[in-house]
């Protein structure tokens, strides 16, 4: 791992993901998590304040970056939530099939190299009747913005640790064996190529 990836990138990602518009998006969805929760891309723990502690038994926080886990530790230690880290990529979920009630994924599907494989793993570990809760940025509906996303994405991805501007979030979810049950989308304040958000819930199809 390079010095940039270990010492600089985690702080840049944390700063960007902690913006007020992004935090308002988290507030809309994280409270929907319940029971035993698998959070994919735990990052620095930005979702922790928005969990409903009365409805959550345990959180498995899957986060492959040691630097992110280090940064999250202070928030985890100060929380009354039961959090256990999993230091593996999103494509490698070491939990049993049918073992979690909720999978939560926020601003992470943009970065996982094989998002389809990761989503299949999420479906595998969900209990029957469980739900996927998501909030992501992705491909915009406006042709001008889409052209910008496609043009800028290669350079942006290298700079931003593999983040992609132009992923079709609903398509990825639907093509991985889920049925989307709640589908919200809009531009949030910010740079338009990065600010078209999708959020909602899905269940196993």
N, C-alpha and C. Protein backbone atom coordinates (compact mmCIF):
# COMPACT_ATOMS: atom_id res chain seq x y z
N UNK A 1 0.85 -1.19 0.00
CA UNK A 1 0.00 0.00 0.00
C UNK A 1 0.89 1.24 0.00
N UNK A 2 0.57 2.22 -0.83
CA UNK A 2 1.37 3.43 -0.94
C UNK A 2 1.10 4.37 0.23
N UNK A 3 2.01 5.34 0.41
CA UNK A 3 1.82 6.36 1.45
C UNK A 3 0.51 7.12 1.21
N UNK A 4 0.21 7.41 -0.06
CA UNK A 4 -1.03 8.12 -0.40
C UNK A 4 -2.25 7.33 0.04
N UNK A 5 -2.25 6.03 -0.28
CA UNK A 5 -3.41 5.19 0.05
C UNK A 5 -3.57 5.01 1.56
N UNK A 6 -2.46 4.96 2.29
CA UNK A 6 -2.52 4.67 3.71
C UNK A 6 -2.70 5.92 4.57
N UNK A 7 -2.10 7.04 4.16
CA UNK A 7 -2.05 8.21 5.03
C UNK A 7 -2.85 9.41 4.55
N UNK A 8 -3.09 9.50 3.25
CA UNK A 8 -3.77 10.67 2.71
C UNK A 8 -5.19 10.34 2.26
N UNK A 9 -5.33 9.28 1.45
CA UNK A 9 -6.64 8.94 0.88
C UNK A 9 -7.72 8.74 1.94
N UNK A 10 -7.47 8.02 3.06
CA UNK A 10 -8.54 7.85 4.05
C UNK A 10 -9.09 9.17 4.58
N UNK A 11 -8.20 10.16 4.76
CA UNK A 11 -8.65 11.46 5.25
C UNK A 11 -9.46 12.21 4.19
N UNK A 12 -9.05 12.09 2.92
CA UNK A 12 -9.81 12.73 1.85
C UNK A 12 -11.20 12.12 1.70
N UNK A 13 -11.27 10.79 1.76
CA UNK A 13 -12.55 10.11 1.64
C UNK A 13 -13.45 10.47 2.82
N UNK A 14 -12.89 10.47 4.01
CA UNK A 14 -13.67 10.80 5.20
C UNK A 14 -14.20 12.23 5.11
N UNK A 15 -13.38 13.15 4.66
CA UNK A 15 -13.79 14.55 4.52
C UNK A 15 -14.93 14.67 3.50
N UNK A 16 -14.79 14.00 2.35
CA UNK A 16 -15.82 14.09 1.31
C UNK A 16 -17.12 13.42 1.75
N UNK A 17 -17.01 12.25 2.36
CA UNK A 17 -18.21 11.50 2.74
C UNK A 17 -18.91 12.08 3.96
N UNK A 18 -18.21 12.95 4.70
CA UNK A 18 -18.81 13.55 5.88
C UNK A 18 -19.45 14.90 5.59
N UNK A 19 -19.57 15.25 4.32
CA UNK A 19 -20.21 16.53 3.98
C UNK A 19 -21.64 16.55 4.49
N UNK A 20 -22.18 17.72 4.72
CA UNK A 20 -23.53 17.83 5.26
C UNK A 20 -24.58 17.16 4.37
N UNK A 21 -24.55 17.36 3.04
CA UNK A 21 -25.54 16.65 2.20
C UNK A 21 -25.45 15.14 2.32
N UNK A 22 -24.22 14.60 2.36
CA UNK A 22 -24.08 13.15 2.49
C UNK A 22 -24.57 12.66 3.85
N UNK A 23 -24.31 13.43 4.89
CA UNK A 23 -24.78 13.04 6.21
C UNK A 23 -26.31 13.06 6.29
N UNK A 24 -26.93 14.01 5.63
CA UNK A 24 -28.40 14.04 5.59
C UNK A 24 -28.94 12.80 4.88
N UNK A 25 -28.23 12.34 3.85
CA UNK A 25 -28.64 11.11 3.17
C UNK A 25 -28.53 9.90 4.10
N UNK A 26 -27.45 9.83 4.84
CA UNK A 26 -27.28 8.73 5.80
C UNK A 26 -28.43 8.73 6.81
N UNK A 27 -28.78 9.91 7.26
CA UNK A 27 -29.86 10.02 8.24
C UNK A 27 -31.17 9.45 7.71
N UNK A 28 -31.37 9.50 6.40
CA UNK A 28 -32.60 8.99 5.80
C UNK A 28 -32.69 7.47 5.83
N UNK A 29 -31.55 6.78 5.81
CA UNK A 29 -31.60 5.34 5.59
C UNK A 29 -31.06 4.48 6.72
N UNK A 30 -30.05 4.96 7.46
CA UNK A 30 -29.36 4.08 8.41
C UNK A 30 -30.30 3.60 9.50
N UNK A 31 -31.24 4.43 9.92
CA UNK A 31 -32.17 4.03 10.99
C UNK A 31 -33.06 2.86 10.58
N UNK A 32 -33.10 2.53 9.29
CA UNK A 32 -33.90 1.40 8.83
C UNK A 32 -33.25 0.06 9.14
N UNK A 33 -31.97 0.07 9.44
CA UNK A 33 -31.26 -1.18 9.76
C UNK A 33 -31.76 -1.72 11.09
N UNK A 34 -31.92 -3.05 11.16
CA UNK A 34 -32.40 -3.67 12.39
C UNK A 34 -31.86 -5.08 12.53
N UNK A 35 -31.90 -5.56 13.77
CA UNK A 35 -31.44 -6.92 14.04
C UNK A 35 -29.92 -7.03 13.94
N UNK A 36 -29.47 -8.13 13.37
CA UNK A 36 -28.05 -8.33 13.10
C UNK A 36 -27.74 -7.70 11.75
N UNK A 37 -26.80 -6.75 11.74
CA UNK A 37 -26.55 -5.91 10.58
C UNK A 37 -25.15 -6.15 10.04
N UNK A 38 -25.04 -6.28 8.74
CA UNK A 38 -23.76 -6.27 8.05
C UNK A 38 -23.65 -4.94 7.31
N UNK A 39 -22.69 -4.11 7.72
CA UNK A 39 -22.45 -2.86 7.01
C UNK A 39 -21.25 -3.03 6.10
N UNK A 40 -21.48 -2.90 4.81
CA UNK A 40 -20.43 -3.05 3.81
C UNK A 40 -19.76 -1.70 3.59
N UNK A 41 -18.44 -1.65 3.75
CA UNK A 41 -17.73 -0.38 3.61
C UNK A 41 -17.94 0.49 4.83
N UNK A 42 -17.57 -0.05 6.00
CA UNK A 42 -17.81 0.66 7.27
C UNK A 42 -17.07 1.99 7.32
N UNK A 43 -15.94 2.06 6.62
CA UNK A 43 -15.19 3.30 6.55
C UNK A 43 -14.75 3.78 7.92
N UNK A 44 -14.95 5.07 8.18
CA UNK A 44 -14.53 5.66 9.46
C UNK A 44 -15.67 5.72 10.47
N UNK A 45 -16.77 5.01 10.18
CA UNK A 45 -17.87 4.95 11.14
C UNK A 45 -18.86 6.09 11.02
N UNK A 46 -18.97 6.71 9.85
CA UNK A 46 -19.85 7.86 9.70
C UNK A 46 -21.33 7.52 9.88
N UNK A 47 -21.70 6.24 9.71
CA UNK A 47 -23.11 5.86 9.89
C UNK A 47 -23.50 5.65 11.35
N UNK A 48 -22.53 5.48 12.23
CA UNK A 48 -22.83 5.09 13.61
C UNK A 48 -23.86 5.99 14.30
N UNK A 49 -23.78 7.32 14.16
CA UNK A 49 -24.74 8.16 14.89
C UNK A 49 -26.19 7.98 14.46
N UNK A 50 -26.41 7.35 13.31
CA UNK A 50 -27.76 7.29 12.75
C UNK A 50 -28.45 5.93 12.95
N UNK A 51 -27.75 4.98 13.54
CA UNK A 51 -28.40 3.70 13.87
C UNK A 51 -29.40 3.91 15.00
N UNK A 52 -30.48 3.15 14.94
CA UNK A 52 -31.44 3.09 16.05
C UNK A 52 -30.98 1.97 16.98
N UNK A 53 -30.27 2.34 18.05
CA UNK A 53 -29.64 1.35 18.91
C UNK A 53 -30.65 0.38 19.52
N UNK A 54 -31.89 0.80 19.68
CA UNK A 54 -32.90 -0.08 20.27
C UNK A 54 -33.30 -1.21 19.33
N UNK A 55 -33.05 -1.03 18.04
CA UNK A 55 -33.47 -2.03 17.06
C UNK A 55 -32.32 -2.85 16.49
N UNK A 56 -31.10 -2.58 16.95
CA UNK A 56 -29.93 -3.27 16.39
C UNK A 56 -29.27 -4.12 17.47
N UNK A 57 -29.04 -5.41 17.16
CA UNK A 57 -28.34 -6.29 18.12
C UNK A 57 -26.83 -6.22 17.93
N UNK A 58 -26.39 -6.32 16.69
CA UNK A 58 -24.96 -6.40 16.41
C UNK A 58 -24.70 -5.84 15.01
N UNK A 59 -23.52 -5.24 14.86
CA UNK A 59 -23.09 -4.74 13.55
C UNK A 59 -21.77 -5.38 13.19
N UNK A 60 -21.73 -6.05 12.06
CA UNK A 60 -20.46 -6.47 11.48
C UNK A 60 -20.04 -5.37 10.51
N UNK A 61 -18.92 -4.73 10.78
CA UNK A 61 -18.45 -3.64 9.94
C UNK A 61 -17.36 -4.12 9.01
N UNK A 62 -17.73 -4.40 7.76
CA UNK A 62 -16.75 -4.90 6.80
C UNK A 62 -15.99 -3.72 6.20
N UNK A 63 -14.69 -3.69 6.45
CA UNK A 63 -13.86 -2.58 5.98
C UNK A 63 -12.43 -3.10 5.73
N UNK A 64 -12.00 -3.17 4.46
CA UNK A 64 -10.69 -3.74 4.17
C UNK A 64 -9.52 -2.81 4.48
N UNK A 65 -9.77 -1.53 4.64
CA UNK A 65 -8.67 -0.57 4.84
C UNK A 65 -8.31 -0.47 6.32
N UNK A 66 -7.07 -0.82 6.64
CA UNK A 66 -6.61 -0.70 8.02
C UNK A 66 -6.64 0.75 8.48
N UNK A 67 -6.30 1.67 7.57
CA UNK A 67 -6.30 3.09 7.92
C UNK A 67 -7.71 3.56 8.28
N UNK A 68 -8.71 3.09 7.54
CA UNK A 68 -10.10 3.45 7.85
C UNK A 68 -10.52 2.87 9.20
N UNK A 69 -10.15 1.63 9.45
CA UNK A 69 -10.53 1.00 10.73
C UNK A 69 -9.87 1.73 11.89
N UNK A 70 -8.62 2.13 11.71
CA UNK A 70 -7.95 2.91 12.77
C UNK A 70 -8.72 4.19 13.06
N UNK A 71 -9.13 4.86 11.99
CA UNK A 71 -9.83 6.13 12.15
C UNK A 71 -11.21 5.93 12.78
N UNK A 72 -11.82 4.76 12.53
CA UNK A 72 -13.16 4.48 13.06
C UNK A 72 -13.14 4.08 14.53
N UNK A 73 -12.00 3.61 15.03
CA UNK A 73 -11.96 3.00 16.35
C UNK A 73 -12.48 3.93 17.45
N UNK A 74 -12.14 5.21 17.38
CA UNK A 74 -12.57 6.14 18.42
C UNK A 74 -14.10 6.25 18.47
N UNK A 75 -14.74 6.32 17.30
CA UNK A 75 -16.20 6.40 17.26
C UNK A 75 -16.83 5.11 17.77
N UNK A 76 -16.25 3.98 17.38
CA UNK A 76 -16.79 2.70 17.82
C UNK A 76 -16.68 2.57 19.33
N UNK A 77 -15.53 2.93 19.89
CA UNK A 77 -15.33 2.81 21.33
C UNK A 77 -16.28 3.71 22.12
N UNK A 78 -16.66 4.84 21.51
CA UNK A 78 -17.56 5.77 22.20
C UNK A 78 -19.03 5.41 22.02
N UNK A 79 -19.31 4.44 21.17
CA UNK A 79 -20.69 4.07 20.87
C UNK A 79 -21.17 2.97 21.81
N UNK A 80 -22.48 2.87 22.00
CA UNK A 80 -23.03 1.77 22.78
C UNK A 80 -23.49 0.63 21.89
N UNK A 81 -23.09 0.67 20.62
CA UNK A 81 -23.43 -0.39 19.68
C UNK A 81 -22.36 -1.48 19.71
N UNK A 82 -22.79 -2.71 19.48
CA UNK A 82 -21.87 -3.85 19.43
C UNK A 82 -21.36 -3.98 18.00
N UNK A 83 -20.11 -3.55 17.79
CA UNK A 83 -19.53 -3.54 16.45
C UNK A 83 -18.33 -4.48 16.40
N UNK A 84 -18.31 -5.33 15.39
CA UNK A 84 -17.16 -6.22 15.15
C UNK A 84 -16.65 -5.98 13.73
N UNK A 85 -15.36 -5.68 13.62
CA UNK A 85 -14.79 -5.40 12.31
C UNK A 85 -14.51 -6.68 11.53
N UNK A 86 -14.70 -6.60 10.21
CA UNK A 86 -14.28 -7.65 9.29
C UNK A 86 -13.32 -6.98 8.31
N UNK A 87 -12.06 -7.41 8.32
CA UNK A 87 -11.05 -6.72 7.51
C UNK A 87 -10.83 -7.44 6.17
N UNK A 88 -11.92 -7.51 5.40
CA UNK A 88 -11.88 -8.14 4.09
C UNK A 88 -12.59 -7.26 3.07
N UNK A 89 -12.29 -7.45 1.78
CA UNK A 89 -13.00 -6.68 0.74
C UNK A 89 -14.47 -7.07 0.67
N UNK A 90 -15.25 -6.21 -0.01
CA UNK A 90 -16.69 -6.44 -0.12
C UNK A 90 -17.06 -7.71 -0.85
N UNK A 91 -16.15 -8.21 -1.69
CA UNK A 91 -16.45 -9.45 -2.41
C UNK A 91 -16.24 -10.69 -1.55
N UNK A 92 -15.68 -10.51 -0.34
CA UNK A 92 -15.37 -11.64 0.53
C UNK A 92 -16.07 -11.45 1.88
N UNK A 93 -17.25 -12.01 2.00
CA UNK A 93 -18.04 -11.86 3.23
C UNK A 93 -17.98 -13.18 4.00
N UNK A 94 -17.27 -13.23 5.13
CA UNK A 94 -17.05 -14.51 5.82
C UNK A 94 -18.15 -14.86 6.81
N UNK A 95 -19.40 -14.56 6.48
CA UNK A 95 -20.51 -14.89 7.35
C UNK A 95 -21.32 -16.03 6.74
N UNK A 96 -22.05 -16.74 7.59
CA UNK A 96 -22.86 -17.86 7.12
C UNK A 96 -24.02 -17.36 6.27
N UNK A 97 -24.51 -18.23 5.41
CA UNK A 97 -25.72 -17.93 4.65
C UNK A 97 -26.89 -17.72 5.61
N UNK A 98 -27.80 -16.84 5.23
CA UNK A 98 -29.01 -16.58 6.02
C UNK A 98 -28.68 -16.19 7.46
N UNK A 99 -27.71 -15.30 7.66
CA UNK A 99 -27.25 -15.00 9.01
C UNK A 99 -27.48 -13.57 9.46
N UNK A 100 -27.88 -12.66 8.57
CA UNK A 100 -28.09 -11.27 8.98
C UNK A 100 -29.49 -10.80 8.57
N UNK A 101 -30.01 -9.87 9.35
CA UNK A 101 -31.34 -9.32 9.08
C UNK A 101 -31.30 -8.15 8.11
N UNK A 102 -30.20 -7.39 8.14
CA UNK A 102 -30.07 -6.20 7.30
C UNK A 102 -28.66 -6.11 6.75
N UNK A 103 -28.55 -5.80 5.48
CA UNK A 103 -27.27 -5.38 4.90
C UNK A 103 -27.38 -3.89 4.60
N UNK A 104 -26.44 -3.12 5.10
CA UNK A 104 -26.41 -1.67 4.87
C UNK A 104 -25.20 -1.34 4.02
N UNK A 105 -25.44 -0.59 2.94
CA UNK A 105 -24.33 -0.17 2.08
C UNK A 105 -24.55 1.28 1.68
N UNK A 106 -23.60 2.14 2.08
CA UNK A 106 -23.71 3.58 1.80
C UNK A 106 -22.41 4.06 1.17
N UNK A 107 -22.53 4.65 -0.01
CA UNK A 107 -21.39 5.23 -0.72
C UNK A 107 -20.22 4.26 -0.81
N UNK A 108 -20.54 3.02 -1.19
CA UNK A 108 -19.53 1.96 -1.25
C UNK A 108 -19.58 1.19 -2.56
N UNK A 109 -20.77 0.98 -3.14
CA UNK A 109 -20.87 0.24 -4.39
C UNK A 109 -20.11 0.92 -5.52
N UNK A 110 -19.86 2.21 -5.37
CA UNK A 110 -19.10 2.94 -6.38
C UNK A 110 -17.65 2.49 -6.43
N UNK A 111 -17.15 1.91 -5.33
CA UNK A 111 -15.72 1.65 -5.18
C UNK A 111 -15.36 0.17 -5.27
N UNK A 112 -16.24 -0.73 -4.87
CA UNK A 112 -15.92 -2.16 -4.89
C UNK A 112 -15.62 -2.59 -6.32
N UNK A 113 -14.45 -3.17 -6.58
CA UNK A 113 -14.09 -3.53 -7.96
C UNK A 113 -15.14 -4.42 -8.65
N UNK A 114 -15.57 -5.48 -7.98
CA UNK A 114 -16.58 -6.38 -8.55
C UNK A 114 -17.86 -6.22 -7.72
N UNK A 115 -18.59 -5.15 -7.98
CA UNK A 115 -19.79 -4.85 -7.18
C UNK A 115 -20.85 -5.93 -7.33
N UNK A 116 -20.96 -6.52 -8.51
CA UNK A 116 -21.95 -7.59 -8.72
C UNK A 116 -21.68 -8.78 -7.83
N UNK A 117 -20.42 -9.19 -7.75
CA UNK A 117 -20.05 -10.31 -6.89
C UNK A 117 -20.31 -9.97 -5.42
N UNK A 118 -20.01 -8.73 -5.02
CA UNK A 118 -20.27 -8.32 -3.64
C UNK A 118 -21.76 -8.37 -3.32
N UNK A 119 -22.58 -7.91 -4.24
CA UNK A 119 -24.03 -7.93 -4.01
C UNK A 119 -24.56 -9.36 -3.93
N UNK A 120 -24.01 -10.26 -4.71
CA UNK A 120 -24.41 -11.66 -4.60
C UNK A 120 -24.06 -12.21 -3.22
N UNK A 121 -22.91 -11.79 -2.68
CA UNK A 121 -22.55 -12.20 -1.34
C UNK A 121 -23.49 -11.63 -0.30
N UNK A 122 -23.91 -10.39 -0.50
CA UNK A 122 -24.87 -9.77 0.42
C UNK A 122 -26.18 -10.54 0.41
N UNK A 123 -26.62 -10.94 -0.78
CA UNK A 123 -27.86 -11.71 -0.89
C UNK A 123 -27.72 -13.06 -0.19
N UNK A 124 -26.55 -13.67 -0.30
CA UNK A 124 -26.32 -14.97 0.33
C UNK A 124 -26.47 -14.91 1.85
N UNK A 125 -25.95 -13.84 2.47
CA UNK A 125 -25.95 -13.80 3.94
C UNK A 125 -27.26 -13.27 4.52
N UNK A 126 -28.11 -12.68 3.70
CA UNK A 126 -29.39 -12.17 4.20
C UNK A 126 -30.34 -13.32 4.56
N UNK A 127 -30.99 -13.18 5.70
CA UNK A 127 -32.02 -14.13 6.06
C UNK A 127 -33.24 -13.97 5.16
N UNK A 128 -34.04 -15.01 4.99
CA UNK A 128 -35.31 -14.84 4.29
C UNK A 128 -36.13 -13.74 4.97
N UNK A 129 -36.62 -12.81 4.20
CA UNK A 129 -37.34 -11.68 4.76
C UNK A 129 -36.45 -10.52 5.16
N UNK A 130 -35.12 -10.68 5.06
CA UNK A 130 -34.20 -9.60 5.38
C UNK A 130 -34.20 -8.53 4.29
N UNK A 131 -33.47 -7.46 4.55
CA UNK A 131 -33.50 -6.34 3.60
C UNK A 131 -32.12 -5.76 3.38
N UNK A 132 -31.95 -5.26 2.18
CA UNK A 132 -30.78 -4.47 1.80
C UNK A 132 -31.18 -3.00 1.87
N UNK A 133 -30.43 -2.21 2.62
CA UNK A 133 -30.65 -0.76 2.72
C UNK A 133 -29.47 -0.09 2.04
N UNK A 134 -29.74 0.81 1.09
CA UNK A 134 -28.65 1.38 0.31
C UNK A 134 -28.81 2.88 0.14
N UNK A 135 -27.68 3.55 -0.01
CA UNK A 135 -27.62 4.95 -0.40
C UNK A 135 -26.31 5.14 -1.15
N UNK A 136 -26.38 5.50 -2.42
CA UNK A 136 -25.21 5.54 -3.27
C UNK A 136 -25.31 6.71 -4.25
N UNK A 137 -24.16 7.16 -4.73
CA UNK A 137 -24.17 8.07 -5.88
C UNK A 137 -23.90 7.25 -7.13
N UNK A 138 -24.36 7.75 -8.28
CA UNK A 138 -24.16 6.97 -9.49
C UNK A 138 -24.51 7.74 -10.74
N UNK A 139 -24.79 6.99 -11.79
CA UNK A 139 -25.03 7.56 -13.12
C UNK A 139 -26.21 8.54 -13.06
N UNK A 140 -26.01 9.69 -13.67
CA UNK A 140 -27.03 10.76 -13.64
C UNK A 140 -28.03 10.57 -14.77
N UNK A 141 -29.22 11.15 -14.64
CA UNK A 141 -30.23 11.01 -15.70
C UNK A 141 -30.03 11.98 -16.86
N UNK A 142 -29.26 13.04 -16.66
CA UNK A 142 -29.10 14.08 -17.69
C UNK A 142 -27.93 13.74 -18.60
N UNK A 143 -28.16 13.81 -19.90
CA UNK A 143 -27.15 13.39 -20.86
C UNK A 143 -25.86 14.19 -20.72
N UNK A 144 -25.96 15.49 -20.50
CA UNK A 144 -24.75 16.30 -20.37
C UNK A 144 -23.91 15.85 -19.17
N UNK A 145 -24.56 15.58 -18.05
CA UNK A 145 -23.84 15.14 -16.86
C UNK A 145 -23.28 13.74 -17.07
N UNK A 146 -24.04 12.89 -17.73
CA UNK A 146 -23.56 11.53 -18.01
C UNK A 146 -22.30 11.56 -18.86
N UNK A 147 -22.26 12.43 -19.85
CA UNK A 147 -21.06 12.53 -20.69
C UNK A 147 -19.87 12.96 -19.85
N UNK A 148 -20.09 13.90 -18.94
CA UNK A 148 -19.01 14.32 -18.05
C UNK A 148 -18.54 13.16 -17.17
N UNK A 149 -19.49 12.41 -16.65
CA UNK A 149 -19.14 11.28 -15.79
C UNK A 149 -18.28 10.27 -16.54
N UNK A 150 -18.69 9.92 -17.76
CA UNK A 150 -17.93 8.94 -18.54
C UNK A 150 -16.54 9.48 -18.91
N UNK A 151 -16.46 10.76 -19.20
CA UNK A 151 -15.18 11.36 -19.63
C UNK A 151 -14.21 11.46 -18.45
N UNK A 152 -14.72 11.86 -17.29
CA UNK A 152 -13.85 12.12 -16.14
C UNK A 152 -13.60 10.89 -15.28
N UNK A 153 -14.37 9.84 -15.47
CA UNK A 153 -14.31 8.72 -14.54
C UNK A 153 -12.93 8.05 -14.44
N UNK A 154 -12.21 7.80 -15.54
CA UNK A 154 -10.91 7.13 -15.38
C UNK A 154 -9.95 7.89 -14.48
N UNK A 155 -9.82 9.19 -14.68
CA UNK A 155 -8.91 9.98 -13.85
C UNK A 155 -9.42 10.06 -12.41
N UNK A 156 -10.73 10.26 -12.26
CA UNK A 156 -11.31 10.36 -10.93
C UNK A 156 -11.10 9.06 -10.14
N UNK A 157 -11.29 7.93 -10.80
CA UNK A 157 -11.16 6.64 -10.13
C UNK A 157 -9.74 6.44 -9.60
N UNK A 158 -8.75 6.83 -10.38
CA UNK A 158 -7.36 6.69 -9.92
C UNK A 158 -7.09 7.58 -8.72
N UNK A 159 -7.62 8.79 -8.74
CA UNK A 159 -7.39 9.75 -7.65
C UNK A 159 -8.15 9.37 -6.39
N UNK A 160 -9.36 8.83 -6.55
CA UNK A 160 -10.28 8.63 -5.42
C UNK A 160 -10.37 7.19 -4.94
N UNK A 161 -9.30 6.43 -5.09
CA UNK A 161 -9.26 5.09 -4.51
C UNK A 161 -10.19 4.09 -5.15
N UNK A 162 -10.47 4.27 -6.45
CA UNK A 162 -11.33 3.32 -7.16
C UNK A 162 -12.78 3.71 -7.24
N UNK A 163 -13.15 4.87 -6.71
CA UNK A 163 -14.53 5.35 -6.81
C UNK A 163 -14.90 5.59 -8.26
N UNK A 164 -16.10 5.16 -8.64
CA UNK A 164 -16.62 5.37 -10.00
C UNK A 164 -17.82 6.32 -9.96
N UNK A 165 -17.80 7.30 -10.84
CA UNK A 165 -18.89 8.27 -10.92
C UNK A 165 -20.14 7.70 -11.58
N UNK A 166 -19.97 6.72 -12.46
CA UNK A 166 -20.98 6.41 -13.46
C UNK A 166 -21.58 5.01 -13.34
N UNK A 167 -21.67 4.46 -12.16
CA UNK A 167 -22.27 3.14 -12.03
C UNK A 167 -23.79 3.24 -11.96
N UNK A 168 -24.44 2.25 -12.58
CA UNK A 168 -25.89 2.15 -12.59
C UNK A 168 -26.31 1.40 -11.33
N UNK A 169 -26.57 2.12 -10.27
CA UNK A 169 -26.83 1.49 -8.97
C UNK A 169 -28.08 0.61 -8.98
N UNK A 170 -29.24 1.10 -9.44
CA UNK A 170 -30.41 0.22 -9.47
C UNK A 170 -30.18 -1.02 -10.34
N UNK A 171 -29.48 -0.84 -11.46
CA UNK A 171 -29.20 -1.98 -12.32
C UNK A 171 -28.33 -3.01 -11.64
N UNK A 172 -27.29 -2.57 -10.95
CA UNK A 172 -26.43 -3.50 -10.22
C UNK A 172 -27.22 -4.29 -9.18
N UNK A 173 -28.07 -3.60 -8.44
CA UNK A 173 -28.84 -4.27 -7.39
C UNK A 173 -29.84 -5.27 -7.99
N UNK A 174 -30.57 -4.82 -9.00
CA UNK A 174 -31.59 -5.69 -9.61
C UNK A 174 -30.97 -6.89 -10.31
N UNK A 175 -29.79 -6.71 -10.91
CA UNK A 175 -29.15 -7.80 -11.64
C UNK A 175 -28.44 -8.79 -10.73
N UNK A 176 -28.47 -8.53 -9.42
CA UNK A 176 -27.79 -9.41 -8.47
C UNK A 176 -28.78 -10.19 -7.61
N UNK A 177 -30.00 -10.32 -8.08
CA UNK A 177 -30.98 -11.15 -7.39
C UNK A 177 -31.82 -10.43 -6.36
N UNK A 178 -31.87 -9.10 -6.44
CA UNK A 178 -32.69 -8.32 -5.52
C UNK A 178 -33.87 -7.69 -6.25
N UNK A 179 -34.93 -7.47 -5.49
CA UNK A 179 -36.07 -6.68 -5.96
C UNK A 179 -36.09 -5.38 -5.15
N UNK A 180 -35.97 -4.26 -5.83
CA UNK A 180 -35.97 -2.97 -5.15
C UNK A 180 -37.39 -2.65 -4.68
N UNK A 181 -37.54 -2.39 -3.39
CA UNK A 181 -38.87 -2.15 -2.80
C UNK A 181 -39.11 -0.68 -2.48
N UNK A 182 -38.05 0.10 -2.41
CA UNK A 182 -38.17 1.54 -2.22
C UNK A 182 -37.06 2.19 -3.02
N UNK A 183 -37.43 3.15 -3.87
CA UNK A 183 -36.48 3.72 -4.83
C UNK A 183 -36.61 5.23 -4.85
N UNK A 184 -35.66 5.92 -4.23
CA UNK A 184 -35.64 7.37 -4.23
C UNK A 184 -34.38 7.82 -4.97
N UNK A 185 -34.47 8.97 -5.63
CA UNK A 185 -33.30 9.47 -6.36
C UNK A 185 -33.41 10.96 -6.59
N UNK A 186 -32.28 11.64 -6.51
CA UNK A 186 -32.25 13.08 -6.74
C UNK A 186 -30.80 13.56 -6.73
N UNK A 187 -30.59 14.78 -7.26
CA UNK A 187 -29.32 15.46 -7.05
C UNK A 187 -29.31 16.04 -5.64
N UNK A 188 -28.23 15.78 -4.90
CA UNK A 188 -28.03 16.47 -3.64
C UNK A 188 -27.04 17.60 -3.89
N UNK A 189 -26.94 18.58 -3.00
CA UNK A 189 -26.01 19.68 -3.23
C UNK A 189 -24.58 19.18 -3.43
N UNK A 190 -23.89 19.78 -4.39
CA UNK A 190 -22.52 19.39 -4.66
C UNK A 190 -22.22 19.34 -6.13
N UNK A 191 -21.03 18.87 -6.47
CA UNK A 191 -20.58 18.71 -7.84
C UNK A 191 -21.49 17.71 -8.55
N UNK A 192 -22.15 18.12 -9.62
CA UNK A 192 -23.24 17.33 -10.19
C UNK A 192 -22.79 15.95 -10.67
N UNK A 193 -21.58 15.83 -11.15
CA UNK A 193 -21.12 14.53 -11.63
C UNK A 193 -20.99 13.52 -10.49
N UNK A 194 -20.96 14.00 -9.25
CA UNK A 194 -20.83 13.11 -8.10
C UNK A 194 -22.02 13.17 -7.16
N UNK A 195 -23.06 13.91 -7.54
CA UNK A 195 -24.10 14.19 -6.55
C UNK A 195 -25.47 13.62 -6.89
N UNK A 196 -25.58 12.78 -7.95
CA UNK A 196 -26.87 12.14 -8.18
C UNK A 196 -26.95 10.91 -7.29
N UNK A 197 -27.90 10.92 -6.36
CA UNK A 197 -28.00 9.87 -5.34
C UNK A 197 -29.19 8.95 -5.59
N UNK A 198 -28.99 7.69 -5.25
CA UNK A 198 -30.03 6.66 -5.23
C UNK A 198 -30.10 6.12 -3.81
N UNK A 199 -31.29 5.99 -3.25
CA UNK A 199 -31.39 5.39 -1.92
C UNK A 199 -32.74 4.68 -1.78
N UNK A 200 -32.72 3.66 -0.91
CA UNK A 200 -33.95 2.91 -0.69
C UNK A 200 -33.67 1.55 -0.07
N UNK A 201 -34.55 0.61 -0.34
CA UNK A 201 -34.42 -0.74 0.21
C UNK A 201 -34.68 -1.76 -0.88
N UNK A 202 -34.22 -2.98 -0.62
CA UNK A 202 -34.44 -4.08 -1.56
C UNK A 202 -34.55 -5.37 -0.76
N UNK A 203 -35.17 -6.35 -1.38
CA UNK A 203 -35.27 -7.67 -0.76
C UNK A 203 -34.85 -8.72 -1.78
N UNK A 204 -34.64 -9.93 -1.29
CA UNK A 204 -34.26 -11.02 -2.19
C UNK A 204 -35.41 -11.32 -3.13
N UNK A 205 -35.12 -11.33 -4.42
CA UNK A 205 -36.17 -11.54 -5.43
C UNK A 205 -36.65 -12.99 -5.40
